[in-house]
C-alpha atoms as a PDB file:
ATOM      1  CA  MET A   1     171.255  97.003 -87.610  1.00  0.00           C
ATOM      2  CA  GLU A   2     175.479  97.535 -88.040  1.00  0.00           C
ATOM      3  CA  LEU A   3     175.331  94.210 -89.917  1.00  0.00           C
ATOM      4  CA  LYS A   4     172.200  94.936 -92.003  1.00  0.00           C
ATOM      5  CA  THR A   5     173.950  98.571 -93.022  1.00  0.00           C
ATOM      6  CA  ILE A   6     176.972  96.997 -93.984  1.00  0.00           C
ATOM      7  CA  ILE A   7     175.275  94.783 -95.950  1.00  0.00           C
ATOM      8  CA  GLU A   8     173.051  96.833 -97.916  1.00  0.00           C
ATOM      9  CA  LYS A   9     176.219  99.151 -98.779  1.00  0.00           C
ATOM     10  CA  ALA A  10     177.905  96.761-100.119  1.00  0.00           C
ATOM     11  CA  TRP A  11     174.979  95.559-102.339  1.00  0.00           C
ATOM     12  CA  GLU A  12     175.105  98.847-103.829  1.00  0.00           C
ATOM     13  CA  ASN A  13     178.725  99.172-103.955  1.00  0.00           C
ATOM     14  CA  ARG A  14     180.305  95.714-104.928  1.00  0.00           C
ATOM     15  CA  GLU A  15     183.886  97.503-104.280  1.00  0.00           C
ATOM     16  CA  LEU A  16     183.079  97.371-101.019  1.00  0.00           C
ATOM     17  CA  LEU A  17     183.687  93.694-100.782  1.00  0.00           C
ATOM     18  CA  LYS A  18     187.244  93.985-100.773  1.00  0.00           C
ATOM     19  CA  GLU A  19     187.079  95.885 -97.162  1.00  0.00           C
ATOM     20  CA  LYS A  20     187.876  93.853 -94.604  1.00  0.00           C
ATOM     21  CA  ASP A  21     184.683  94.979 -92.526  1.00  0.00           C
ATOM     22  CA  THR A  22     182.360  93.788 -94.938  1.00  0.00           C
ATOM     23  CA  GLU A  23     184.305  90.485 -95.382  1.00  0.00           C
ATOM     24  CA  ILE A  24     183.826  90.487 -91.842  1.00  0.00           C
ATOM     25  CA  ALA A  25     179.975  91.091 -92.022  1.00  0.00           C
ATOM     26  CA  ILE A  26     179.125  89.168 -94.745  1.00  0.00           C
ATOM     27  CA  LYS A  27     180.769  85.653 -93.110  1.00  0.00           C
ATOM     28  CA  THR A  28     179.087  86.825 -89.591  1.00  0.00           C
ATOM     29  CA  VAL A  29     175.380  86.468 -91.497  1.00  0.00           C
ATOM     30  CA  ILE A  30     176.222  82.997 -93.139  1.00  0.00           C
ATOM     31  CA  ALA A  31     177.965  82.009 -89.499  1.00  0.00           C
ATOM     32  CA  ASP A  32     174.345  83.097 -87.823  1.00  0.00           C
ATOM     33  CA  LEU A  33     172.389  81.562 -90.363  1.00  0.00           C
ATOM     34  CA  ASP A  34     174.335  78.303 -89.893  1.00  0.00           C
ATOM     35  CA  ALA A  35     173.486  78.448 -85.997  1.00  0.00           C
ATOM     36  CA  GLY A  36     169.614  79.289 -86.387  1.00  0.00           C
ATOM     37  CA  SER A  37     170.313  82.874 -84.622  1.00  0.00           C
ATOM     38  CA  LEU A  38     169.431  84.810 -88.148  1.00  0.00           C
ATOM     39  CA  ARG A  39     166.702  83.509 -90.654  1.00  0.00           C
ATOM     40  CA  VAL A  40     165.944  84.617 -94.421  1.00  0.00           C
ATOM     41  CA  ALA A  41     162.299  84.673 -93.531  1.00  0.00           C
ATOM     42  CA  GLU A  42     160.778  84.116 -89.948  1.00  0.00           C
ATOM     43  CA  PRO A  43     157.196  83.853 -88.612  1.00  0.00           C
ATOM     44  CA  LEU A  44     155.498  86.685 -87.175  1.00  0.00           C
ATOM     45  CA  GLU A  45     152.841  86.575 -84.431  1.00  0.00           C
ATOM     46  CA  ASP A  46     149.856  87.124 -86.698  1.00  0.00           C
ATOM     47  CA  GLY A  47     150.642  84.050 -88.916  1.00  0.00           C
ATOM     48  CA  ASN A  48     152.367  85.827 -91.741  1.00  0.00           C
ATOM     49  CA  TRP A  49     155.925  85.712 -92.640  1.00  0.00           C
ATOM     50  CA  GLN A  50     158.215  88.530 -93.132  1.00  0.00           C
ATOM     51  CA  VAL A  51     161.096  87.768 -95.806  1.00  0.00           C
ATOM     52  CA  ASN A  52     164.552  89.720 -94.783  1.00  0.00           C
ATOM     53  CA  ASP A  53     165.812  90.852 -97.666  1.00  0.00           C
ATOM     54  CA  TRP A  54     169.177  92.281 -96.196  1.00  0.00           C
ATOM     55  CA  VAL A  55     170.088  88.470 -95.203  1.00  0.00           C
ATOM     56  CA  LYS A  56     169.275  87.024 -98.813  1.00  0.00           C
ATOM     57  CA  LYS A  57     171.659  89.798 -99.942  1.00  0.00           C
ATOM     58  CA  ALA A  58     174.691  88.805 -97.976  1.00  0.00           C
ATOM     59  CA  VAL A  59     174.056  85.049 -98.947  1.00  0.00           C
ATOM     60  CA  ILE A  60     174.297  86.035-102.784  1.00  0.00           C
ATOM     61  CA  LEU A  61     177.696  88.381-101.622  1.00  0.00           C
ATOM     62  CA  TYR A  62     179.002  85.406 -99.704  1.00  0.00           C
ATOM     63  CA  PHE A  63     179.865  83.322-103.167  1.00  0.00           C
ATOM     64  CA  PRO A  64     182.164  86.176-104.629  1.00  0.00           C
ATOM     65  CA  ILE A  65     184.181  86.912-101.684  1.00  0.00           C
ATOM     66  CA  GLN A  66     184.725  82.731-101.618  1.00  0.00           C
ATOM     67  CA  LYS A  67     187.480  81.308-103.280  1.00  0.00           C
ATOM     68  CA  MET A  68     187.156  77.966-105.179  1.00  0.00           C
ATOM     69  CA  GLN A  69     188.983  75.216-103.084  1.00  0.00           C
ATOM     70  CA  THR A  70     189.081  70.689-103.147  1.00  0.00           C
ATOM     71  CA  ILE A  71     187.089  69.264-100.487  1.00  0.00           C
ATOM     72  CA  GLU A  72     188.007  65.812 -99.387  1.00  0.00           C
ATOM     73  CA  VAL A  73     185.509  63.224 -97.597  1.00  0.00           C
ATOM     74  CA  GLY A  74     187.355  60.013 -97.293  1.00  0.00           C
ATOM     75  CA  PRO A  75     187.401  58.798-100.995  1.00  0.00           C
ATOM     76  CA  PHE A  76     184.799  61.351-102.005  1.00  0.00           C
ATOM     77  CA  GLU A  77     186.072  64.833-103.689  1.00  0.00           C
ATOM     78  CA  PHE A  78     184.058  68.214-104.209  1.00  0.00           C
ATOM     79  CA  HIS A  79     185.329  71.362-105.715  1.00  0.00           C
ATOM     80  CA  ASP A  80     183.253  74.274-104.714  1.00  0.00           C
ATOM     81  CA  LYS A  81     183.182  77.733-103.043  1.00  0.00           C
ATOM     82  CA  MET A  82     181.235  76.590-100.140  1.00  0.00           C
ATOM     83  CA  ALA A  83     182.258  74.388 -97.179  1.00  0.00           C
ATOM     84  CA  LEU A  84     179.997  71.567 -95.997  1.00  0.00           C
ATOM     85  CA  LYS A  85     178.390  71.507 -92.642  1.00  0.00           C
ATOM     86  CA  THR A  86     180.085  69.827 -89.934  1.00  0.00           C
ATOM     87  CA  ASN A  87     179.921  68.860 -86.253  1.00  0.00           C
ATOM     88  CA  TYR A  88     176.294  66.998 -86.296  1.00  0.00           C
ATOM     89  CA  ALA A  89     176.686  64.950 -83.032  1.00  0.00           C
ATOM     90  CA  LYS A  90     177.028  68.074 -81.257  1.00  0.00           C
ATOM     91  CA  GLN A  91     174.328  69.659 -83.122  1.00  0.00           C
ATOM     92  CA  GLY A  92     171.775  66.415 -82.429  1.00  0.00           C
ATOM     93  CA  VAL A  93     171.185  66.213 -86.131  1.00  0.00           C
ATOM     94  CA  ARG A  94     171.489  62.682 -87.756  1.00  0.00           C
ATOM     95  CA  VAL A  95     172.966  62.608 -91.183  1.00  0.00           C
ATOM     96  CA  VAL A  96     172.730  59.038 -93.101  1.00  0.00           C
ATOM     97  CA  PRO A  97     175.697  58.902 -95.624  1.00  0.00           C
ATOM     98  CA  HIS A  98     175.381  60.444 -98.448  1.00  0.00           C
ATOM     99  CA  ALA A  99     173.285  63.387 -97.244  1.00  0.00           C
ATOM    100  CA  VAL A 100     174.694  66.976 -98.095  1.00  0.00           C
ATOM    101  CA  ALA A 101     174.237  69.845 -96.271  1.00  0.00           C
ATOM    102  CA  ARG A 102     175.934  73.340 -96.984  1.00  0.00           C
ATOM    103  CA  TYR A 103     177.766  75.670 -94.382  1.00  0.00           C
ATOM    104  CA  GLY A 104     175.014  78.195 -93.763  1.00  0.00           C
ATOM    105  CA  ALA A 105     171.860  76.026 -93.843  1.00  0.00           C
ATOM    106  CA  HIS A 106     170.448  75.207 -90.367  1.00  0.00           C
ATOM    107  CA  LEU A 107     169.317  71.781 -88.902  1.00  0.00           C
ATOM    108  CA  ALA A 108     167.827  72.044 -85.760  1.00  0.00           C
ATOM    109  CA  PRO A 109     168.088  69.306 -82.935  1.00  0.00           C
ATOM    110  CA  GLY A 110     166.175  65.973 -84.161  1.00  0.00           C
ATOM    111  CA  VAL A 111     166.201  66.745 -87.953  1.00  0.00           C
ATOM    112  CA  VAL A 112     167.249  63.657 -89.820  1.00  0.00           C
ATOM    113  CA  MET A 113     168.691  63.984 -93.150  1.00  0.00           C
ATOM    114  CA  MET A 114     168.356  60.444 -95.255  1.00  0.00           C
ATOM    115  CA  PRO A 115     170.721  60.988 -98.579  1.00  0.00           C
ATOM    116  CA  SER A 116     169.669  64.165 -99.332  1.00  0.00           C
ATOM    117  CA  TYR A 117     170.243  67.542 -99.924  1.00  0.00           C
ATOM    118  CA  VAL A 118     170.017  71.094 -97.948  1.00  0.00           C
ATOM    119  CA  ASN A 119     171.185  74.309 -99.450  1.00  0.00           C
ATOM    120  CA  ILE A 120     173.045  77.084 -97.850  1.00  0.00           C
ATOM    121  CA  GLY A 121     169.949  79.709 -96.339  1.00  0.00           C
ATOM    122  CA  ALA A 122     167.829  77.142 -95.638  1.00  0.00           C
ATOM    123  CA  PHE A 123     166.150  76.312 -91.993  1.00  0.00           C
ATOM    124  CA  VAL A 124     165.111  72.878 -91.082  1.00  0.00           C
ATOM    125  CA  ASP A 125     163.630  73.024 -87.743  1.00  0.00           C
ATOM    126  CA  SER A 126     163.539  70.005 -84.990  1.00  0.00           C
ATOM    127  CA  GLY A 127     162.129  66.711 -85.505  1.00  0.00           C
ATOM    128  CA  THR A 128     161.841  67.000 -89.259  1.00  0.00           C
ATOM    129  CA  MET A 129     163.123  64.272 -91.624  1.00  0.00           C
ATOM    130  CA  VAL A 130     164.267  64.975 -95.158  1.00  0.00           C
ATOM    131  CA  ASP A 131     163.731  61.863 -96.610  1.00  0.00           C
ATOM    132  CA  THR A 132     166.081  60.107 -99.416  1.00  0.00           C
ATOM    133  CA  TRP A 133     166.840  62.352-102.576  1.00  0.00           C
ATOM    134  CA  ALA A 134     164.618  64.952-100.910  1.00  0.00           C
ATOM    135  CA  THR A 135     166.277  68.686-101.452  1.00  0.00           C
ATOM    136  CA  VAL A 136     166.031  71.543 -99.518  1.00  0.00           C
ATOM    137  CA  GLY A 137     166.936  74.494-102.058  1.00  0.00           C
ATOM    138  CA  SER A 138     168.347  77.815-101.195  1.00  0.00           C
ATOM    139  CA  CYS A 139     166.818  79.798 -97.922  1.00  0.00           C
ATOM    140  CA  ALA A 140     163.762  77.460 -97.910  1.00  0.00           C
ATOM    141  CA  GLN A 141     162.104  77.242 -94.619  1.00  0.00           C
ATOM    142  CA  VAL A 142     160.727  73.851 -92.720  1.00  0.00           C
ATOM    143  CA  GLY A 143     159.127  73.599 -89.695  1.00  0.00           C
ATOM    144  CA  LYS A 144     158.924  71.112 -87.052  1.00  0.00           C
ATOM    145  CA  ASN A 145     157.908  67.793 -87.178  1.00  0.00           C
ATOM    146  CA  VAL A 146     157.965  68.028 -91.445  1.00  0.00           C
ATOM    147  CA  HIS A 147     157.959  64.522 -93.292  1.00  0.00           C
ATOM    148  CA  LEU A 148     159.867  65.624 -96.516  1.00  0.00           C
ATOM    149  CA  SER A 149     159.098  62.212 -98.461  1.00  0.00           C
ATOM    150  CA  GLY A 150     161.353  60.644-100.982  1.00  0.00           C
ATOM    151  CA  GLY A 151     162.207  62.729-103.613  1.00  0.00           C
ATOM    152  CA  VAL A 152     160.515  65.750-102.286  1.00  0.00           C
ATOM    153  CA  GLY A 153     161.899  69.094-104.346  1.00  0.00           C
ATOM    154  CA  LEU A 154     161.635  72.380-102.225  1.00  0.00           C
ATOM    155  CA  GLY A 155     163.030  74.988-104.922  1.00  0.00           C
ATOM    156  CA  GLY A 156     165.386  77.751-103.611  1.00  0.00           C
ATOM    157  CA  VAL A 157     165.490  81.147-103.897  1.00  0.00           C
ATOM    158  CA  LEU A 158     168.098  84.341-103.827  1.00  0.00           C
ATOM    159  CA  GLU A 159     167.152  86.167-106.605  1.00  0.00           C
ATOM    160  CA  PRO A 160     164.938  88.617-106.551  1.00  0.00           C
ATOM    161  CA  VAL A 161     166.042  89.572-103.241  1.00  0.00           C
ATOM    162  CA  GLN A 162     162.386  90.509-102.287  1.00  0.00           C
ATOM    163  CA  ALA A 163     160.968  87.349-103.246  1.00  0.00           C
ATOM    164  CA  ALA A 164     159.442  84.933-100.610  1.00  0.00           C
ATOM    165  CA  PRO A 165     161.356  81.738-100.269  1.00  0.00           C
ATOM    166  CA  VAL A 166     159.172  78.081-100.548  1.00  0.00           C
ATOM    167  CA  ILE A 167     158.003  77.856 -96.535  1.00  0.00           C
ATOM    168  CA  VAL A 168     156.792  74.547 -95.170  1.00  0.00           C
ATOM    169  CA  GLU A 169     155.192  75.077 -91.664  1.00  0.00           C
ATOM    170  CA  ASP A 170     155.127  73.030 -88.879  1.00  0.00           C
ATOM    171  CA  GLY A 171     153.625  69.251 -88.867  1.00  0.00           C
ATOM    172  CA  ALA A 172     153.363  68.900 -92.916  1.00  0.00           C
ATOM    173  CA  PHE A 173     153.415  66.041 -94.799  1.00  0.00           C
ATOM    174  CA  ILE A 174     154.925  66.531 -98.447  1.00  0.00           C
ATOM    175  CA  GLY A 175     154.291  63.179-100.254  1.00  0.00           C
ATOM    176  CA  SER A 176     157.060  61.581-102.801  1.00  0.00           C
ATOM    177  CA  ARG A 177     158.299  63.668-105.484  1.00  0.00           C
ATOM    178  CA  ALA A 178     155.857  66.324-104.860  1.00  0.00           C
ATOM    179  CA  ILE A 179     157.605  69.526-105.982  1.00  0.00           C
ATOM    180  CA  VAL A 180     157.071  73.026-104.344  1.00  0.00           C
ATOM    181  CA  VAL A 181     158.571  76.048-106.097  1.00  0.00           C
ATOM    182  CA  GLU A 182     158.537  79.995-106.245  1.00  0.00           C
ATOM    183  CA  GLY A 183     157.626  80.832-102.893  1.00  0.00           C
ATOM    184  CA  VAL A 184     154.838  78.767-102.008  1.00  0.00           C
ATOM    185  CA  ARG A 185     153.668  78.352 -98.518  1.00  0.00           C
ATOM    186  CA  ILE A 186     152.263  75.071 -97.254  1.00  0.00           C
ATOM    187  CA  GLY A 187     150.133  75.820 -94.095  1.00  0.00           C
ATOM    188  CA  LYS A 188     150.764  73.827 -90.875  1.00  0.00           C
ATOM    189  CA  GLU A 189     149.596  70.227 -90.912  1.00  0.00           C
ATOM    190  CA  ALA A 190     148.753  70.186 -94.602  1.00  0.00           C
ATOM    191  CA  VAL A 191     149.212  67.332 -96.601  1.00  0.00           C
ATOM    192  CA  LEU A 192     150.436  67.047-100.237  1.00  0.00           C
ATOM    193  CA  GLY A 193     149.808  63.367-101.660  1.00  0.00           C
ATOM    194  CA  ALA A 194     152.648  62.015-103.984  1.00  0.00           C
ATOM    195  CA  GLY A 195     153.596  63.958-107.218  1.00  0.00           C
ATOM    196  CA  VAL A 196     151.617  67.110-106.256  1.00  0.00           C
ATOM    197  CA  THR A 197     153.666  70.084-107.916  1.00  0.00           C
ATOM    198  CA  LEU A 198     152.922  74.060-107.014  1.00  0.00           C
ATOM    199  CA  THR A 199     154.712  76.844-108.424  1.00  0.00           C
ATOM    200  CA  ALA A 200     153.324  80.504-107.741  1.00  0.00           C
ATOM    201  CA  SER A 201     150.610  80.310-110.267  1.00  0.00           C
ATOM    202  CA  SER A 202     149.087  76.838-109.964  1.00  0.00           C
ATOM    203  CA  LYS A 203     145.755  76.877-109.123  1.00  0.00           C
ATOM    204  CA  ILE A 204     145.060  75.125-105.591  1.00  0.00           C
ATOM    205  CA  ILE A 205     141.071  74.277-105.826  1.00  0.00           C
ATOM    206  CA  ASP A 206     139.377  73.500-102.433  1.00  0.00           C
ATOM    207  CA  VAL A 207     136.752  71.052-104.228  1.00  0.00           C
ATOM    208  CA  THR A 208     135.081  69.963-100.544  1.00  0.00           C
ATOM    209  CA  GLY A 209     132.191  72.327-100.468  1.00  0.00           C
ATOM    210  CA  ASP A 210     129.546  73.345-102.716  1.00  0.00           C
ATOM    211  CA  LYS A 211     131.021  75.861-104.876  1.00  0.00           C
ATOM    212  CA  PRO A 212     135.028  75.236-105.758  1.00  0.00           C
ATOM    213  CA  VAL A 213     137.320  77.802-103.659  1.00  0.00           C
ATOM    214  CA  GLU A 214     140.193  79.253-105.504  1.00  0.00           C
ATOM    215  CA  TYR A 215     144.051  79.580-103.969  1.00  0.00           C
ATOM    216  CA  LYS A 216     147.570  80.598-105.334  1.00  0.00           C
ATOM    217  CA  GLY A 217     150.482  80.459-103.594  1.00  0.00           C
ATOM    218  CA  TYR A 218     149.407  78.829-100.369  1.00  0.00           C
ATOM    219  CA  VAL A 219     148.194  75.686 -99.171  1.00  0.00           C
ATOM    220  CA  PRO A 220     145.561  76.382 -96.043  1.00  0.00           C
ATOM    221  CA  PRO A 221     146.227  74.377 -92.826  1.00  0.00           C
ATOM    222  CA  ARG A 222     145.516  70.859 -92.697  1.00  0.00           C
ATOM    223  CA  SER A 223     144.331  70.926 -96.235  1.00  0.00           C
ATOM    224  CA  VAL A 224     144.963  67.552 -97.780  1.00  0.00           C
ATOM    225  CA  VAL A 225     145.954  68.052-101.592  1.00  0.00           C
ATOM    226  CA  ILE A 226     146.390  65.874-104.608  1.00  0.00           C
ATOM    227  CA  PRO A 227     147.216  66.353-107.998  1.00  0.00           C
ATOM    228  CA  GLY A 228     144.346  67.592-110.059  1.00  0.00           C
ATOM    229  CA  SER A 229     143.658  69.094-113.843  1.00  0.00           C
ATOM    230  CA  ILE A 230     141.390  71.418-115.244  1.00  0.00           C
ATOM    231  CA  PRO A 231     140.020  72.399-119.020  1.00  0.00           C
ATOM    232  CA  LYS A 232     141.830  75.222-120.639  1.00  0.00           C
ATOM    233  CA  GLU A 233     141.450  76.898-123.528  1.00  0.00           C
ATOM    234  CA  PHE A 234     144.015  77.132-126.523  1.00  0.00           C
ATOM    235  CA  ALA A 235     143.938  78.223-130.133  1.00  0.00           C
ATOM    236  CA  ALA A 236     144.363  74.575-131.277  1.00  0.00           C
ATOM    237  CA  GLY A 237     141.469  73.379-128.733  1.00  0.00           C
ATOM    238  CA  THR A 238     140.514  72.590-125.178  1.00  0.00           C
ATOM    239  CA  PHE A 239     143.205  70.721-123.084  1.00  0.00           C
ATOM    240  CA  GLN A 240     143.682  69.784-119.573  1.00  0.00           C
ATOM    241  CA  VAL A 241     146.215  71.565-117.046  1.00  0.00           C
ATOM    242  CA  PRO A 242     148.016  70.658-114.212  1.00  0.00           C
ATOM    243  CA  CYS A 243     146.222  72.041-110.811  1.00  0.00           C
ATOM    244  CA  ALA A 244     145.986  70.466-106.916  1.00  0.00           C
ATOM    245  CA  LEU A 245     142.566  69.935-105.470  1.00  0.00           C
ATOM    246  CA  ILE A 246     142.195  69.990-101.736  1.00  0.00           C
ATOM    247  CA  ILE A 247     139.808  67.324-101.255  1.00  0.00           C
ATOM    248  CA  GLY A 248     139.764  67.236 -97.443  1.00  0.00           C
ATOM    249  CA  GLN A 249     141.155  67.914 -94.451  1.00  0.00           C
ATOM    250  CA  ARG A 250     142.797  66.241 -91.403  1.00  0.00           C
ATOM    251  CA  LYS A 251     140.784  65.143 -88.470  1.00  0.00           C
ATOM    252  CA  ALA A 252     141.636  66.850 -85.106  1.00  0.00           C
ATOM    253  CA  SER A 253     140.830  63.407 -83.654  1.00  0.00           C
ATOM    254  CA  THR A 254     143.848  61.705 -85.441  1.00  0.00           C
ATOM    255  CA  ASP A 255     147.086  61.629 -83.837  1.00  0.00           C
ATOM    256  CA  LEU A 256     149.620  63.650 -85.856  1.00  0.00           C
ATOM    257  CA  LYS A 257     152.340  60.741 -86.444  1.00  0.00           C
ATOM    258  CA  THR A 258     149.662  58.693 -87.625  1.00  0.00           C
ATOM    259  CA  SER A 259     147.280  60.957 -89.626  1.00  0.00           C
ATOM    260  CA  LEU A 260     150.136  62.018 -92.123  1.00  0.00           C
ATOM    261  CA  ASN A 261     149.674  58.881 -93.774  1.00  0.00           C
ATOM    262  CA  ASP A 262     145.691  58.049 -92.637  1.00  0.00           C
ATOM    263  CA  ALA A 263     144.776  61.709 -94.083  1.00  0.00           C
ATOM    264  CA  LEU A 264     145.466  60.589 -97.564  1.00  0.00           C
ATOM    265  CA  ARG A 265     144.112  56.955 -97.105  1.00  0.00           C
ATOM    266  CA  GLU A 266     141.124  58.103 -95.651  1.00  0.00           C
ATOM    267  CA  ASN A 267     140.104  60.256 -98.733  1.00  0.00           C
ATOM    268  CA  ASN A 268     141.376  57.013-100.809  1.00  0.00           C
ATOM    269  CA  VAL A 269     144.652  58.794-102.062  1.00  0.00           C
ATOM    270  CA  ALA A 270     147.990  56.625-102.115  1.00  0.00           C
ATOM    271  CA  VAL A 271     150.733  58.367-100.149  1.00  0.00           C
END
């Protein structure tokens, strides 16, 4: 509560950033984010998520108190305000060159980072694979045993501070080049096919029943989702606009590790 009070006061009065206590408080929050003892958003017992606005404020306030520095990694050089994450072996994280994570992002034991990027404030839980050229944006929350396939883009969000981050819950499979942004939440064990794009305004339509059921900003657990399109009227005529289609459910009888791919193949969809 003391940290929260200091952060909230500094948010309202940026002159306080010059004070040592404020700087210590901000850096403590970032260290706690890095260690995973504090999160930008956290799951509640009822299945919903709570966004900790004040933690996001601390991340935003961290930028102005940091100074630009040159970071040398062997023959590579960077010039930034943020340090890179370190001590992967101690944390039990596998990091393949040229994967990069910023200090202030949490990677739990068992995470594998292929050449990819994880930004500050993000949380990636145990057993998750961040595949080649996948991006986990600032403050995105990724659960256990998730597979982010090659080129997946999870959007970041710092402002507005009350906005929910992108959330991918336990066991989900996100197909190649899928894009999830603007606080969209992917339910547990859901499967997104290659190329699915989800924004806060994207229509997510369940077409498995007699009548379509529409969602926005949320993919229900175990749903199998593919790209689709729907007609929309414009002044110039009727045109097709993108949407996402829920075409089935992952089968409970299928082992989770194999069903990630099988769920799509069973519905005649490419992974």
